[in-house]
Amino acid sequence: SAAYRPGQEGNEFEAEVMPAAGETVIPKRTNSAFIGTDLEQRLRKSGI
């Protein structure tokens, strides 16, 4: 999403790209989805 922090205007998903039920969402707080999140660990653990 365009805005980094949850609760910030522009951070909410648009209807067209709303995550499917059960789909994992990892909120990010900086421009890189890898910084300050567990994204890399999740990907590696899943073998992705």
ModelCIF file with pLDDT and N, C-alpha, C, O atoms, coordinates in Angstrom:
data_MODEL
#
_entry.id   MODEL 
#
_entity.id                         1 
_entity.type                       polymer 
_entity.pdbx_number_of_molecules   1 
#
_entity_poly.entity_id                      1 
_entity_poly.type                           'polypeptide(L)' 
_entity_poly.nstd_linkage                   no 
_entity_poly.nstd_monomer                   no 
_entity_poly.pdbx_seq_one_letter_code       SAAYRPGQEGNEFEAEVMPAAGETVIPKRTNSAFIGTDLEQRLRKSGI 
_entity_poly.pdbx_seq_one_letter_code_can   SAAYRPGQEGNEFEAEVMPAAGETVIPKRTNSAFIGTDLEQRLRKSGI 
_entity_poly.pdbx_strand_id                 A 
#
loop_
_entity_poly_seq.entity_id 
_entity_poly_seq.num 
_entity_poly_seq.mon_id 
_entity_poly_seq.hetero 
1 1  SER n 
1 2  ALA n 
1 3  ALA n 
1 4  TYR n 
1 5  ARG n 
1 6  PRO n 
1 7  GLY n 
1 8  GLN n 
1 9  GLU n 
1 10 GLY n 
1 11 ASN n 
1 12 GLU n 
1 13 PHE n 
1 14 GLU n 
1 15 ALA n 
1 16 GLU n 
1 17 VAL n 
1 18 MET n 
1 19 PRO n 
1 20 ALA n 
1 21 ALA n 
1 22 GLY n 
1 23 GLU n 
1 24 THR n 
1 25 VAL n 
1 26 ILE n 
1 27 PRO n 
1 28 LYS n 
1 29 ARG n 
1 30 THR n 
1 31 ASN n 
1 32 SER n 
1 33 ALA n 
1 34 PHE n 
1 35 ILE n 
1 36 GLY n 
1 37 THR n 
1 38 ASP n 
1 39 LEU n 
1 40 GLU n 
1 41 GLN n 
1 42 ARG n 
1 43 LEU n 
1 44 ARG n 
1 45 LYS n 
1 46 SER n 
1 47 GLY n 
1 48 ILE n 
#
_struct_asym.id          A 
_struct_asym.entity_id   1 
#
loop_
_ma_qa_metric.id 
_ma_qa_metric.mode 
_ma_qa_metric.name 
_ma_qa_metric.software_group_id 
_ma_qa_metric.type 
1 global pLDDT . pLDDT 
2 local  pLDDT . pLDDT 
#
_ma_qa_metric_global.metric_id      1 
_ma_qa_metric_global.metric_value   80.62 
_ma_qa_metric_global.model_id       1 
_ma_qa_metric_global.ordinal_id     1 
#
loop_
_ma_qa_metric_local.label_asym_id 
_ma_qa_metric_local.label_comp_id 
_ma_qa_metric_local.label_seq_id 
_ma_qa_metric_local.metric_id 
_ma_qa_metric_local.metric_value 
_ma_qa_metric_local.model_id 
_ma_qa_metric_local.ordinal_id 
A SER 1  2 48.00 1 1  
A ALA 2  2 47.00 1 2  
A ALA 3  2 56.00 1 3  
A TYR 4  2 59.00 1 4  
A ARG 5  2 61.00 1 5  
A PRO 6  2 64.00 1 6  
A GLY 7  2 69.00 1 7  
A GLN 8  2 68.00 1 8  
A GLU 9  2 68.00 1 9  
A GLY 10 2 65.00 1 10 
A ASN 11 2 66.00 1 11 
A GLU 12 2 71.00 1 12 
A PHE 13 2 73.00 1 13 
A GLU 14 2 75.00 1 14 
A ALA 15 2 81.00 1 15 
A GLU 16 2 81.00 1 16 
A VAL 17 2 77.00 1 17 
A MET 18 2 80.00 1 18 
A PRO 19 2 81.00 1 19 
A ALA 20 2 83.00 1 20 
A ALA 21 2 84.00 1 21 
A GLY 22 2 81.00 1 22 
A GLU 23 2 82.00 1 23 
A THR 24 2 81.00 1 24 
A VAL 25 2 80.00 1 25 
A ILE 26 2 81.00 1 26 
A PRO 27 2 80.00 1 27 
A LYS 28 2 80.00 1 28 
A ARG 29 2 81.00 1 29 
A THR 30 2 87.00 1 30 
A ASN 31 2 89.00 1 31 
A SER 32 2 93.00 1 32 
A ALA 33 2 92.00 1 33 
A PHE 34 2 95.00 1 34 
A ILE 35 2 93.00 1 35 
A GLY 36 2 90.00 1 36 
A THR 37 2 90.00 1 37 
A ASP 38 2 92.00 1 38 
A LEU 39 2 94.00 1 39 
A GLU 40 2 96.00 1 40 
A GLN 41 2 96.00 1 41 
A ARG 42 2 93.00 1 42 
A LEU 43 2 95.00 1 43 
A ARG 44 2 96.00 1 44 
A LYS 45 2 95.00 1 45 
A SER 46 2 92.00 1 46 
A GLY 47 2 95.00 1 47 
A ILE 48 2 94.00 1 48 
#
loop_
_atom_site.group_PDB 
_atom_site.id 
_atom_site.type_symbol 
_atom_site.label_atom_id 
_atom_site.label_alt_id 
_atom_site.label_comp_id 
_atom_site.label_asym_id 
_atom_site.label_entity_id 
_atom_site.label_seq_id 
_atom_site.pdbx_PDB_ins_code 
_atom_site.Cartn_x 
_atom_site.Cartn_y 
_atom_site.Cartn_z 
_atom_site.occupancy 
_atom_site.B_iso_or_equiv 
_atom_site.pdbx_formal_charge 
_atom_site.auth_seq_id 
_atom_site.auth_comp_id 
_atom_site.auth_asym_id 
_atom_site.auth_atom_id 
_atom_site.pdbx_PDB_model_num 
ATOM 1   N N  . SER A 1 1  ? 0.852   -1.188  0.000  1.00 48.00 ? 1  SER A N  1 
ATOM 2   C CA . SER A 1 1  ? 0.000   0.000   0.000  1.00 48.00 ? 1  SER A CA 1 
ATOM 3   C C  . SER A 1 1  ? 0.889   1.240   0.000  1.00 48.00 ? 1  SER A C  1 
ATOM 4   O O  . SER A 1 1  ? 2.078   1.166   0.312  1.00 48.00 ? 1  SER A O  1 
ATOM 5   N N  . ALA A 1 2  ? 0.301   2.373   -0.352 1.00 47.00 ? 2  ALA A N  1 
ATOM 6   C CA . ALA A 1 2  ? 1.069   3.601   -0.464 1.00 47.00 ? 2  ALA A CA 1 
ATOM 7   C C  . ALA A 1 2  ? 1.544   4.117   0.888  1.00 47.00 ? 2  ALA A C  1 
ATOM 8   O O  . ALA A 1 2  ? 2.686   4.562   1.005  1.00 47.00 ? 2  ALA A O  1 
ATOM 9   N N  . ALA A 1 3  ? 0.714   4.070   1.889  1.00 56.00 ? 3  ALA A N  1 
ATOM 10  C CA . ALA A 1 3  ? 1.083   4.571   3.217  1.00 56.00 ? 3  ALA A CA 1 
ATOM 11  C C  . ALA A 1 3  ? 1.687   3.427   4.032  1.00 56.00 ? 3  ALA A C  1 
ATOM 12  O O  . ALA A 1 3  ? 1.238   2.284   3.947  1.00 56.00 ? 3  ALA A O  1 
ATOM 13  N N  . TYR A 1 4  ? 2.698   3.748   4.813  1.00 59.00 ? 4  TYR A N  1 
ATOM 14  C CA . TYR A 1 4  ? 3.429   2.705   5.534  1.00 59.00 ? 4  TYR A CA 1 
ATOM 15  C C  . TYR A 1 4  ? 2.775   2.233   6.821  1.00 59.00 ? 4  TYR A C  1 
ATOM 16  O O  . TYR A 1 4  ? 2.825   1.045   7.139  1.00 59.00 ? 4  TYR A O  1 
ATOM 17  N N  . ARG A 1 5  ? 2.177   3.126   7.550  1.00 61.00 ? 5  ARG A N  1 
ATOM 18  C CA . ARG A 1 5  ? 1.725   2.779   8.897  1.00 61.00 ? 5  ARG A CA 1 
ATOM 19  C C  . ARG A 1 5  ? 0.225   2.502   8.963  1.00 61.00 ? 5  ARG A C  1 
ATOM 20  O O  . ARG A 1 5  ? -0.577  3.282   8.448  1.00 61.00 ? 5  ARG A O  1 
ATOM 21  N N  . PRO A 1 6  ? -0.150  1.398   9.593  1.00 64.00 ? 6  PRO A N  1 
ATOM 22  C CA . PRO A 1 6  ? -1.583  1.117   9.774  1.00 64.00 ? 6  PRO A CA 1 
ATOM 23  C C  . PRO A 1 6  ? -2.264  2.304   10.452 1.00 64.00 ? 6  PRO A C  1 
ATOM 24  O O  . PRO A 1 6  ? -1.706  2.930   11.353 1.00 64.00 ? 6  PRO A O  1 
ATOM 25  N N  . GLY A 1 7  ? -3.475  2.596   10.000 1.00 69.00 ? 7  GLY A N  1 
ATOM 26  C CA . GLY A 1 7  ? -4.242  3.698   10.547 1.00 69.00 ? 7  GLY A CA 1 
ATOM 27  C C  . GLY A 1 7  ? -4.010  5.007   9.811  1.00 69.00 ? 7  GLY A C  1 
ATOM 28  O O  . GLY A 1 7  ? -4.767  5.961   9.993  1.00 69.00 ? 7  GLY A O  1 
ATOM 29  N N  . GLN A 1 8  ? -2.976  5.068   8.983  1.00 68.00 ? 8  GLN A N  1 
ATOM 30  C CA . GLN A 1 8  ? -2.670  6.264   8.211  1.00 68.00 ? 8  GLN A CA 1 
ATOM 31  C C  . GLN A 1 8  ? -3.552  6.289   6.956  1.00 68.00 ? 8  GLN A C  1 
ATOM 32  O O  . GLN A 1 8  ? -3.834  5.240   6.377  1.00 68.00 ? 8  GLN A O  1 
ATOM 33  N N  . GLU A 1 9  ? -3.983  7.477   6.539  1.00 68.00 ? 9  GLU A N  1 
ATOM 34  C CA . GLU A 1 9  ? -4.802  7.587   5.332  1.00 68.00 ? 9  GLU A CA 1 
ATOM 35  C C  . GLU A 1 9  ? -4.047  6.987   4.150  1.00 68.00 ? 9  GLU A C  1 
ATOM 36  O O  . GLU A 1 9  ? -2.862  7.260   3.961  1.00 68.00 ? 9  GLU A O  1 
ATOM 37  N N  . GLY A 1 10 ? -4.734  6.173   3.359  1.00 65.00 ? 10 GLY A N  1 
ATOM 38  C CA . GLY A 1 10 ? -4.120  5.516   2.215  1.00 65.00 ? 10 GLY A CA 1 
ATOM 39  C C  . GLY A 1 10 ? -3.568  4.146   2.526  1.00 65.00 ? 10 GLY A C  1 
ATOM 40  O O  . GLY A 1 10 ? -3.074  3.465   1.628  1.00 65.00 ? 10 GLY A O  1 
ATOM 41  N N  . ASN A 1 11 ? -3.639  3.721   3.786  1.00 66.00 ? 11 ASN A N  1 
ATOM 42  C CA . ASN A 1 11 ? -3.091  2.431   4.179  1.00 66.00 ? 11 ASN A CA 1 
ATOM 43  C C  . ASN A 1 11 ? -4.083  1.290   3.999  1.00 66.00 ? 11 ASN A C  1 
ATOM 44  O O  . ASN A 1 11 ? -3.680  0.134   3.874  1.00 66.00 ? 11 ASN A O  1 
ATOM 45  N N  . GLU A 1 12 ? -5.361  1.600   3.985  1.00 71.00 ? 12 GLU A N  1 
ATOM 46  C CA . GLU A 1 12 ? -6.376  0.545   3.876  1.00 71.00 ? 12 GLU A CA 1 
ATOM 47  C C  . GLU A 1 12 ? -6.391  -0.064  2.478  1.00 71.00 ? 12 GLU A C  1 
ATOM 48  O O  . GLU A 1 12 ? -6.098  0.617   1.496  1.00 71.00 ? 12 GLU A O  1 
ATOM 49  N N  . PHE A 1 13 ? -6.729  -1.332  2.392  1.00 73.00 ? 13 PHE A N  1 
ATOM 50  C CA . PHE A 1 13 ? -6.825  -2.013  1.104  1.00 73.00 ? 13 PHE A CA 1 
ATOM 51  C C  . PHE A 1 13 ? -8.004  -1.479  0.308  1.00 73.00 ? 13 PHE A C  1 
ATOM 52  O O  . PHE A 1 13 ? -9.075  -1.226  0.861  1.00 73.00 ? 13 PHE A O  1 
ATOM 53  N N  . GLU A 1 14 ? -7.802  -1.308  -0.992 1.00 75.00 ? 14 GLU A N  1 
ATOM 54  C CA . GLU A 1 14 ? -8.901  -0.987  -1.901 1.00 75.00 ? 14 GLU A CA 1 
ATOM 55  C C  . GLU A 1 14 ? -9.674  -2.273  -2.156 1.00 75.00 ? 14 GLU A C  1 
ATOM 56  O O  . GLU A 1 14 ? -9.115  -3.366  -2.054 1.00 75.00 ? 14 GLU A O  1 
ATOM 57  N N  . ALA A 1 15 ? -10.961 -2.149  -2.489 1.00 81.00 ? 15 ALA A N  1 
ATOM 58  C CA . ALA A 1 15 ? -11.819 -3.323  -2.703 1.00 81.00 ? 15 ALA A CA 1 
ATOM 59  C C  . ALA A 1 15 ? -11.226 -4.277  -3.743 1.00 81.00 ? 15 ALA A C  1 
ATOM 60  O O  . ALA A 1 15 ? -11.344 -5.495  -3.607 1.00 81.00 ? 15 ALA A O  1 
ATOM 61  N N  . GLU A 1 16 ? -10.593 -3.727  -4.775 1.00 81.00 ? 16 GLU A N  1 
ATOM 62  C CA . GLU A 1 16 ? -10.065 -4.556  -5.874 1.00 81.00 ? 16 GLU A CA 1 
ATOM 63  C C  . GLU A 1 16 ? -8.923  -5.464  -5.444 1.00 81.00 ? 16 GLU A C  1 
ATOM 64  O O  . GLU A 1 16 ? -8.675  -6.489  -6.077 1.00 81.00 ? 16 GLU A O  1 
ATOM 65  N N  . VAL A 1 17 ? -8.233  -5.100  -4.383 1.00 77.00 ? 17 VAL A N  1 
ATOM 66  C CA . VAL A 1 17 ? -7.080  -5.890  -3.947 1.00 77.00 ? 17 VAL A CA 1 
ATOM 67  C C  . VAL A 1 17 ? -7.222  -6.372  -2.506 1.00 77.00 ? 17 VAL A C  1 
ATOM 68  O O  . VAL A 1 17 ? -6.227  -6.690  -1.855 1.00 77.00 ? 17 VAL A O  1 
ATOM 69  N N  . MET A 1 18 ? -8.431  -6.424  -2.018 1.00 80.00 ? 18 MET A N  1 
ATOM 70  C CA . MET A 1 18 ? -8.695  -6.898  -0.661 1.00 80.00 ? 18 MET A CA 1 
ATOM 71  C C  . MET A 1 18 ? -8.168  -8.328  -0.515 1.00 80.00 ? 18 MET A C  1 
ATOM 72  O O  . MET A 1 18 ? -8.460  -9.178  -1.356 1.00 80.00 ? 18 MET A O  1 
ATOM 73  N N  . PRO A 1 19 ? -7.405  -8.601  0.532  1.00 81.00 ? 19 PRO A N  1 
ATOM 74  C CA . PRO A 1 19 ? -6.905  -9.969  0.729  1.00 81.00 ? 19 PRO A CA 1 
ATOM 75  C C  . PRO A 1 19 ? -8.061  -10.960 0.859  1.00 81.00 ? 19 PRO A C  1 
ATOM 76  O O  . PRO A 1 19 ? -9.105  -10.655 1.435  1.00 81.00 ? 19 PRO A O  1 
ATOM 77  N N  . ALA A 1 20 ? -7.846  -12.136 0.315  1.00 83.00 ? 20 ALA A N  1 
ATOM 78  C CA . ALA A 1 20 ? -8.843  -13.204 0.410  1.00 83.00 ? 20 ALA A CA 1 
ATOM 79  C C  . ALA A 1 20 ? -8.883  -13.714 1.851  1.00 83.00 ? 20 ALA A C  1 
ATOM 80  O O  . ALA A 1 20 ? -7.923  -13.555 2.605  1.00 83.00 ? 20 ALA A O  1 
ATOM 81  N N  . ALA A 1 21 ? -9.978  -14.313 2.209  1.00 84.00 ? 21 ALA A N  1 
ATOM 82  C CA . ALA A 1 21 ? -10.121 -14.892 3.549  1.00 84.00 ? 21 ALA A CA 1 
ATOM 83  C C  . ALA A 1 21 ? -8.974  -15.865 3.798  1.00 84.00 ? 21 ALA A C  1 
ATOM 84  O O  . ALA A 1 21 ? -8.705  -16.742 2.977  1.00 84.00 ? 21 ALA A O  1 
ATOM 85  N N  . GLY A 1 22 ? -8.308  -15.707 4.925  1.00 81.00 ? 22 GLY A N  1 
ATOM 86  C CA . GLY A 1 22 ? -7.217  -16.592 5.287  1.00 81.00 ? 22 GLY A CA 1 
ATOM 87  C C  . GLY A 1 22 ? -5.867  -16.202 4.701  1.00 81.00 ? 22 GLY A C  1 
ATOM 88  O O  . GLY A 1 22 ? -4.851  -16.809 5.042  1.00 81.00 ? 22 GLY A O  1 
ATOM 89  N N  . GLU A 1 23 ? -5.838  -15.203 3.830  1.00 82.00 ? 23 GLU A N  1 
ATOM 90  C CA . GLU A 1 23 ? -4.578  -14.764 3.233  1.00 82.00 ? 23 GLU A CA 1 
ATOM 91  C C  . GLU A 1 23 ? -3.778  -13.952 4.259  1.00 82.00 ? 23 GLU A C  1 
ATOM 92  O O  . GLU A 1 23 ? -4.336  -13.096 4.945  1.00 82.00 ? 23 GLU A O  1 
ATOM 93  N N  . THR A 1 24 ? -2.484  -14.219 4.361  1.00 81.00 ? 24 THR A N  1 
ATOM 94  C CA . THR A 1 24 ? -1.632  -13.539 5.324  1.00 81.00 ? 24 THR A CA 1 
ATOM 95  C C  . THR A 1 24 ? -1.369  -12.107 4.895  1.00 81.00 ? 24 THR A C  1 
ATOM 96  O O  . THR A 1 24 ? -1.064  -11.851 3.730  1.00 81.00 ? 24 THR A O  1 
ATOM 97  N N  . VAL A 1 25 ? -1.486  -11.186 5.818  1.00 80.00 ? 25 VAL A N  1 
ATOM 98  C CA . VAL A 1 25 ? -1.157  -9.780  5.595  1.00 80.00 ? 25 VAL A CA 1 
ATOM 99  C C  . VAL A 1 25 ? -0.072  -9.413  6.604  1.00 80.00 ? 25 VAL A C  1 
ATOM 100 O O  . VAL A 1 25 ? -0.228  -9.622  7.807  1.00 80.00 ? 25 VAL A O  1 
ATOM 101 N N  . ILE A 1 26 ? 1.033   -8.862  6.092  1.00 81.00 ? 26 ILE A N  1 
ATOM 102 C CA . ILE A 1 26 ? 2.134   -8.444  6.956  1.00 81.00 ? 26 ILE A CA 1 
ATOM 103 C C  . ILE A 1 26 ? 2.243   -6.926  6.841  1.00 81.00 ? 26 ILE A C  1 
ATOM 104 O O  . ILE A 1 26 ? 2.748   -6.420  5.839  1.00 81.00 ? 26 ILE A O  1 
ATOM 105 N N  . PRO A 1 27 ? 1.776   -6.194  7.850  1.00 80.00 ? 27 PRO A N  1 
ATOM 106 C CA . PRO A 1 27 ? 1.866   -4.720  7.793  1.00 80.00 ? 27 PRO A CA 1 
ATOM 107 C C  . PRO A 1 27 ? 3.321   -4.267  7.806  1.00 80.00 ? 27 PRO A C  1 
ATOM 108 O O  . PRO A 1 27 ? 4.144   -4.816  8.540  1.00 80.00 ? 27 PRO A O  1 
ATOM 109 N N  . LYS A 1 28 ? 3.631   -3.273  6.998  1.00 80.00 ? 28 LYS A N  1 
ATOM 110 C CA . LYS A 1 28 ? 4.973   -2.727  7.003  1.00 80.00 ? 28 LYS A CA 1 
ATOM 111 C C  . LYS A 1 28 ? 4.942   -1.293  7.497  1.00 80.00 ? 28 LYS A C  1 
ATOM 112 O O  . LYS A 1 28 ? 3.924   -0.610  7.389  1.00 80.00 ? 28 LYS A O  1 
ATOM 113 N N  . ARG A 1 29 ? 6.056   -0.843  8.037  1.00 81.00 ? 29 ARG A N  1 
ATOM 114 C CA . ARG A 1 29 ? 6.126   0.498   8.619  1.00 81.00 ? 29 ARG A CA 1 
ATOM 115 C C  . ARG A 1 29 ? 7.207   1.358   7.965  1.00 81.00 ? 29 ARG A C  1 
ATOM 116 O O  . ARG A 1 29 ? 7.384   2.517   8.340  1.00 81.00 ? 29 ARG A O  1 
ATOM 117 N N  . THR A 1 30 ? 7.919   0.811   7.008  1.00 87.00 ? 30 THR A N  1 
ATOM 118 C CA . THR A 1 30 ? 8.934   1.542   6.249  1.00 87.00 ? 30 THR A CA 1 
ATOM 119 C C  . THR A 1 30 ? 8.728   1.231   4.773  1.00 87.00 ? 30 THR A C  1 
ATOM 120 O O  . THR A 1 30 ? 7.810   0.494   4.412  1.00 87.00 ? 30 THR A O  1 
ATOM 121 N N  . ASN A 1 31 ? 9.581   1.793   3.918  1.00 89.00 ? 31 ASN A N  1 
ATOM 122 C CA . ASN A 1 31 ? 9.413   1.546   2.485  1.00 89.00 ? 31 ASN A CA 1 
ATOM 123 C C  . ASN A 1 31 ? 9.727   0.115   2.081  1.00 89.00 ? 31 ASN A C  1 
ATOM 124 O O  . ASN A 1 31 ? 9.186   -0.348  1.077  1.00 89.00 ? 31 ASN A O  1 
ATOM 125 N N  . SER A 1 32 ? 10.558  -0.599  2.793  1.00 93.00 ? 32 SER A N  1 
ATOM 126 C CA . SER A 1 32 ? 10.863  -1.993  2.463  1.00 93.00 ? 32 SER A CA 1 
ATOM 127 C C  . SER A 1 32 ? 10.013  -2.940  3.302  1.00 93.00 ? 32 SER A C  1 
ATOM 128 O O  . SER A 1 32 ? 9.924   -2.800  4.522  1.00 93.00 ? 32 SER A O  1 
ATOM 129 N N  . ALA A 1 33 ? 9.396   -3.897  2.637  1.00 92.00 ? 33 ALA A N  1 
ATOM 130 C CA . ALA A 1 33 ? 8.570   -4.880  3.336  1.00 92.00 ? 33 ALA A CA 1 
ATOM 131 C C  . ALA A 1 33 ? 9.398   -5.833  4.197  1.00 92.00 ? 33 ALA A C  1 
ATOM 132 O O  . ALA A 1 33 ? 8.843   -6.591  4.991  1.00 92.00 ? 33 ALA A O  1 
ATOM 133 N N  . PHE A 1 34 ? 10.722  -5.798  4.043  1.00 95.00 ? 34 PHE A N  1 
ATOM 134 C CA . PHE A 1 34 ? 11.579  -6.683  4.819  1.00 95.00 ? 34 PHE A CA 1 
ATOM 135 C C  . PHE A 1 34 ? 12.050  -6.063  6.132  1.00 95.00 ? 34 PHE A C  1 
ATOM 136 O O  . PHE A 1 34 ? 12.452  -6.787  7.043  1.00 95.00 ? 34 PHE A O  1 
ATOM 137 N N  . ILE A 1 35 ? 12.009  -4.754  6.241  1.00 93.00 ? 35 ILE A N  1 
ATOM 138 C CA . ILE A 1 35 ? 12.532  -4.079  7.433  1.00 93.00 ? 35 ILE A CA 1 
ATOM 139 C C  . ILE A 1 35 ? 11.443  -3.976  8.496  1.00 93.00 ? 35 ILE A C  1 
ATOM 140 O O  . ILE A 1 35 ? 10.355  -3.456  8.247  1.00 93.00 ? 35 ILE A O  1 
ATOM 141 N N  . GLY A 1 36 ? 11.758  -4.483  9.682  1.00 90.00 ? 36 GLY A N  1 
ATOM 142 C CA . GLY A 1 36 ? 10.821  -4.392  10.796 1.00 90.00 ? 36 GLY A CA 1 
ATOM 143 C C  . GLY A 1 36 ? 9.659   -5.364  10.714 1.00 90.00 ? 36 GLY A C  1 
ATOM 144 O O  . GLY A 1 36 ? 8.675   -5.223  11.440 1.00 90.00 ? 36 GLY A O  1 
ATOM 145 N N  . THR A 1 37 ? 9.769   -6.349  9.833  1.00 90.00 ? 37 THR A N  1 
ATOM 146 C CA . THR A 1 37 ? 8.724   -7.377  9.724  1.00 90.00 ? 37 THR A CA 1 
ATOM 147 C C  . THR A 1 37 ? 9.385   -8.756  9.781  1.00 90.00 ? 37 THR A C  1 
ATOM 148 O O  . THR A 1 37 ? 10.611  -8.877  9.774  1.00 90.00 ? 37 THR A O  1 
ATOM 149 N N  . ASP A 1 38 ? 8.563   -9.768  9.836  1.00 92.00 ? 38 ASP A N  1 
ATOM 150 C CA . ASP A 1 38 ? 9.091   -11.134 9.812  1.00 92.00 ? 38 ASP A CA 1 
ATOM 151 C C  . ASP A 1 38 ? 8.934   -11.760 8.428  1.00 92.00 ? 38 ASP A C  1 
ATOM 152 O O  . ASP A 1 38 ? 8.894   -12.984 8.299  1.00 92.00 ? 38 ASP A O  1 
ATOM 153 N N  . LEU A 1 39 ? 8.845   -10.922 7.396  1.00 94.00 ? 39 LEU A N  1 
ATOM 154 C CA . LEU A 1 39 ? 8.621   -11.423 6.042  1.00 94.00 ? 39 LEU A CA 1 
ATOM 155 C C  . LEU A 1 39 ? 9.688   -12.416 5.602  1.00 94.00 ? 39 LEU A C  1 
ATOM 156 O O  . LEU A 1 39 ? 9.361   -13.510 5.144  1.00 94.00 ? 39 LEU A O  1 
ATOM 157 N N  . GLU A 1 40 ? 10.952  -12.051 5.735  1.00 96.00 ? 40 GLU A N  1 
ATOM 158 C CA . GLU A 1 40 ? 12.005  -12.965 5.290  1.00 96.00 ? 40 GLU A CA 1 
ATOM 159 C C  . GLU A 1 40 ? 11.917  -14.305 6.014  1.00 96.00 ? 40 GLU A C  1 
ATOM 160 O O  . GLU A 1 40 ? 12.027  -15.357 5.384  1.00 96.00 ? 40 GLU A O  1 
ATOM 161 N N  . GLN A 1 41 ? 11.721  -14.277 7.327  1.00 96.00 ? 41 GLN A N  1 
ATOM 162 C CA . GLN A 1 41 ? 11.642  -15.523 8.101  1.00 96.00 ? 41 GLN A CA 1 
ATOM 163 C C  . GLN A 1 41 ? 10.454  -16.375 7.646  1.00 96.00 ? 41 GLN A C  1 
ATOM 164 O O  . GLN A 1 41 ? 10.579  -17.592 7.508  1.00 96.00 ? 41 GLN A O  1 
ATOM 165 N N  . ARG A 1 42 ? 9.310   -15.740 7.414  1.00 93.00 ? 42 ARG A N  1 
ATOM 166 C CA . ARG A 1 42 ? 8.128   -16.479 6.949  1.00 93.00 ? 42 ARG A CA 1 
ATOM 167 C C  . ARG A 1 42 ? 8.391   -17.144 5.596  1.00 93.00 ? 42 ARG A C  1 
ATOM 168 O O  . ARG A 1 42 ? 8.046   -18.307 5.387  1.00 93.00 ? 42 ARG A O  1 
ATOM 169 N N  . LEU A 1 43 ? 9.006   -16.390 4.683  1.00 95.00 ? 43 LEU A N  1 
ATOM 170 C CA . LEU A 1 43 ? 9.297   -16.937 3.356  1.00 95.00 ? 43 LEU A CA 1 
ATOM 171 C C  . LEU A 1 43 ? 10.258  -18.112 3.452  1.00 95.00 ? 43 LEU A C  1 
ATOM 172 O O  . LEU A 1 43 ? 10.032  -19.157 2.843  1.00 95.00 ? 43 LEU A O  1 
ATOM 173 N N  . ARG A 1 44 ? 11.318  -17.940 4.209  1.00 96.00 ? 44 ARG A N  1 
ATOM 174 C CA . ARG A 1 44 ? 12.320  -19.011 4.344  1.00 96.00 ? 44 ARG A CA 1 
ATOM 175 C C  . ARG A 1 44 ? 11.711  -20.243 5.019  1.00 96.00 ? 44 ARG A C  1 
ATOM 176 O O  . ARG A 1 44 ? 11.935  -21.370 4.577  1.00 96.00 ? 44 ARG A O  1 
ATOM 177 N N  . LYS A 1 45 ? 10.943  -20.025 6.088  1.00 95.00 ? 45 LYS A N  1 
ATOM 178 C CA . LYS A 1 45 ? 10.320  -21.137 6.800  1.00 95.00 ? 45 LYS A CA 1 
ATOM 179 C C  . LYS A 1 45 ? 9.363   -21.911 5.890  1.00 95.00 ? 45 LYS A C  1 
ATOM 180 O O  . LYS A 1 45 ? 9.232   -23.129 6.012  1.00 95.00 ? 45 LYS A O  1 
ATOM 181 N N  . SER A 1 46 ? 8.700   -21.202 4.984  1.00 92.00 ? 46 SER A N  1 
ATOM 182 C CA . SER A 1 46 ? 7.753   -21.832 4.056  1.00 92.00 ? 46 SER A CA 1 
ATOM 183 C C  . SER A 1 46 ? 8.437   -22.407 2.827  1.00 92.00 ? 46 SER A C  1 
ATOM 184 O O  . SER A 1 46 ? 7.785   -23.048 2.003  1.00 92.00 ? 46 SER A O  1 
ATOM 185 N N  . GLY A 1 47 ? 9.730   -22.190 2.692  1.00 95.00 ? 47 GLY A N  1 
ATOM 186 C CA . GLY A 1 47 ? 10.457  -22.694 1.532  1.00 95.00 ? 47 GLY A CA 1 
ATOM 187 C C  . GLY A 1 47 ? 10.187  -21.904 0.263  1.00 95.00 ? 47 GLY A C  1 
ATOM 188 O O  . GLY A 1 47 ? 10.394  -22.405 -0.841 1.00 95.00 ? 47 GLY A O  1 
ATOM 189 N N  . ILE A 1 48 ? 9.731   -20.682 0.417  1.00 94.00 ? 48 ILE A N  1 
ATOM 190 C CA . ILE A 1 48 ? 9.433   -19.849 -0.750 1.00 94.00 ? 48 ILE A CA 1 
ATOM 191 C C  . ILE A 1 48 ? 10.706  -19.158 -1.205 1.00 94.00 ? 48 ILE A C  1 
ATOM 192 O O  . ILE A 1 48 ? 10.686  -18.403 -2.177 1.00 94.00 ? 48 ILE A O  1 
#
